[in-house]
Amino acid sequence: MWLLCTGVLFALGTISCVVHFNELAWIDMRTYPGRPVAFLLERSSESSNVGVIATATLVQTMDGFP
């Protein structure tokens, strides 16, 4: 059971880290009109950002599991 939980947490954490939406906003697109905050607000519904938020939420939810 612990091995399964560890594997799931590792997979979700990896997915969360691999997606680089925030890297785009704060590093690559820092000269975006309206700066990084505008970039984040305008593109917050993109699938990559939704995936990051979902995996981070799942990892935090499963932290106290068994």
C-alpha atoms as a PDB file:
ATOM      1  CA  MET A   1       0.000   0.000   0.000  1.00  0.00           C
ATOM      2  CA  TRP A   2       2.810   2.407   0.913  1.00  0.00           C
ATOM      3  CA  LEU A   3       4.624   1.617  -2.310  1.00  0.00           C
ATOM      4  CA  LEU A   4       1.507   2.456  -4.321  1.00  0.00           C
ATOM      5  CA  CYS A   5       1.004   5.749  -2.481  1.00  0.00           C
ATOM      6  CA  THR A   6       4.677   6.625  -2.908  1.00  0.00           C
ATOM      7  CA  GLY A   7       4.534   5.855  -6.615  1.00  0.00           C
ATOM      8  CA  VAL A   8       1.422   7.951  -7.138  1.00  0.00           C
ATOM      9  CA  LEU A   9       2.880  10.880  -5.204  1.00  0.00           C
ATOM     10  CA  PHE A  10       6.132  10.640  -7.153  1.00  0.00           C
ATOM     11  CA  ALA A  11       4.293  10.579 -10.484  1.00  0.00           C
ATOM     12  CA  LEU A  12       2.076  13.532  -9.591  1.00  0.00           C
ATOM     13  CA  GLY A  13       5.012  15.534  -8.260  1.00  0.00           C
ATOM     14  CA  THR A  14       6.992  14.845 -11.407  1.00  0.00           C
ATOM     15  CA  ILE A  15       4.123  15.950 -13.634  1.00  0.00           C
ATOM     16  CA  SER A  16       3.738  19.098 -11.575  1.00  0.00           C
ATOM     17  CA  CYS A  17       7.428  19.950 -11.879  1.00  0.00           C
ATOM     18  CA  VAL A  18       7.788  19.097 -15.553  1.00  0.00           C
ATOM     19  CA  VAL A  19       5.121  21.494 -16.739  1.00  0.00           C
ATOM     20  CA  HIS A  20       6.770  24.867 -17.003  1.00  0.00           C
ATOM     21  CA  PHE A  21       3.887  27.305 -17.167  1.00  0.00           C
ATOM     22  CA  ASN A  22       5.254  29.519 -14.406  1.00  0.00           C
ATOM     23  CA  GLU A  23       8.692  29.438 -15.996  1.00  0.00           C
ATOM     24  CA  LEU A  24       7.131  30.871 -19.134  1.00  0.00           C
ATOM     25  CA  ALA A  25       5.437  33.642 -17.192  1.00  0.00           C
ATOM     26  CA  TRP A  26       8.262  34.740 -14.898  1.00  0.00           C
ATOM     27  CA  ILE A  27      11.359  34.060 -17.039  1.00  0.00           C
ATOM     28  CA  ASP A  28      10.687  33.576 -20.733  1.00  0.00           C
ATOM     29  CA  MET A  29       7.777  35.994 -21.140  1.00  0.00           C
ATOM     30  CA  ARG A  30       8.776  38.618 -18.559  1.00  0.00           C
ATOM     31  CA  THR A  31       8.441  41.367 -21.171  1.00  0.00           C
ATOM     32  CA  TYR A  32       4.844  40.385 -21.983  1.00  0.00           C
ATOM     33  CA  PRO A  33       2.544  43.452 -22.125  1.00  0.00           C
ATOM     34  CA  GLY A  34       1.302  43.883 -18.584  1.00  0.00           C
ATOM     35  CA  ARG A  35       4.230  41.855 -17.192  1.00  0.00           C
ATOM     36  CA  PRO A  36       4.055  38.279 -15.806  1.00  0.00           C
ATOM     37  CA  VAL A  37       0.847  38.854 -13.842  1.00  0.00           C
ATOM     38  CA  ALA A  38      -1.057  39.731 -17.019  1.00  0.00           C
ATOM     39  CA  PHE A  39       0.395  36.667 -18.730  1.00  0.00           C
ATOM     40  CA  LEU A  40      -0.777  34.437 -15.871  1.00  0.00           C
ATOM     41  CA  LEU A  41      -4.255  35.961 -15.755  1.00  0.00           C
ATOM     42  CA  GLU A  42      -4.832  35.784 -19.509  1.00  0.00           C
ATOM     43  CA  ARG A  43      -3.623  32.200 -19.835  1.00  0.00           C
ATOM     44  CA  SER A  44      -4.800  30.703 -16.551  1.00  0.00           C
ATOM     45  CA  SER A  45      -7.320  28.425 -18.271  1.00  0.00           C
ATOM     46  CA  GLU A  46      -4.752  26.732 -20.544  1.00  0.00           C
ATOM     47  CA  SER A  47      -4.572  22.984 -20.114  1.00  0.00           C
ATOM     48  CA  SER A  48      -0.958  23.064 -18.942  1.00  0.00           C
ATOM     49  CA  ASN A  49      -1.752  25.455 -16.095  1.00  0.00           C
ATOM     50  CA  VAL A  50      -4.887  23.547 -15.104  1.00  0.00           C
ATOM     51  CA  GLY A  51      -2.796  20.356 -15.046  1.00  0.00           C
ATOM     52  CA  VAL A  52      -0.222  21.913 -12.735  1.00  0.00           C
ATOM     53  CA  ILE A  53      -2.881  23.107 -10.310  1.00  0.00           C
ATOM     54  CA  ALA A  54      -4.682  19.741 -10.378  1.00  0.00           C
ATOM     55  CA  THR A  55      -1.537  17.694  -9.729  1.00  0.00           C
ATOM     56  CA  ALA A  56      -0.369  20.033  -6.969  1.00  0.00           C
ATOM     57  CA  THR A  57      -3.790  19.774  -5.311  1.00  0.00           C
ATOM     58  CA  LEU A  58      -3.745  15.973  -5.559  1.00  0.00           C
ATOM     59  CA  VAL A  59      -0.257  15.786  -4.074  1.00  0.00           C
ATOM     60  CA  GLN A  60      -1.292  17.975  -1.144  1.00  0.00           C
ATOM     61  CA  THR A  61      -4.494  15.971  -0.644  1.00  0.00           C
ATOM     62  CA  MET A  62      -2.659  12.657  -0.642  1.00  0.00           C
ATOM     63  CA  ASP A  63      -0.005  13.906   1.782  1.00  0.00           C
ATOM     64  CA  GLY A  64      -1.983  12.637   4.767  1.00  0.00           C
ATOM     65  CA  PHE A  65      -3.235   9.478   3.030  1.00  0.00           C
ATOM     66  CA  PRO A  66      -2.815   6.227   5.082  1.00  0.00           C
END
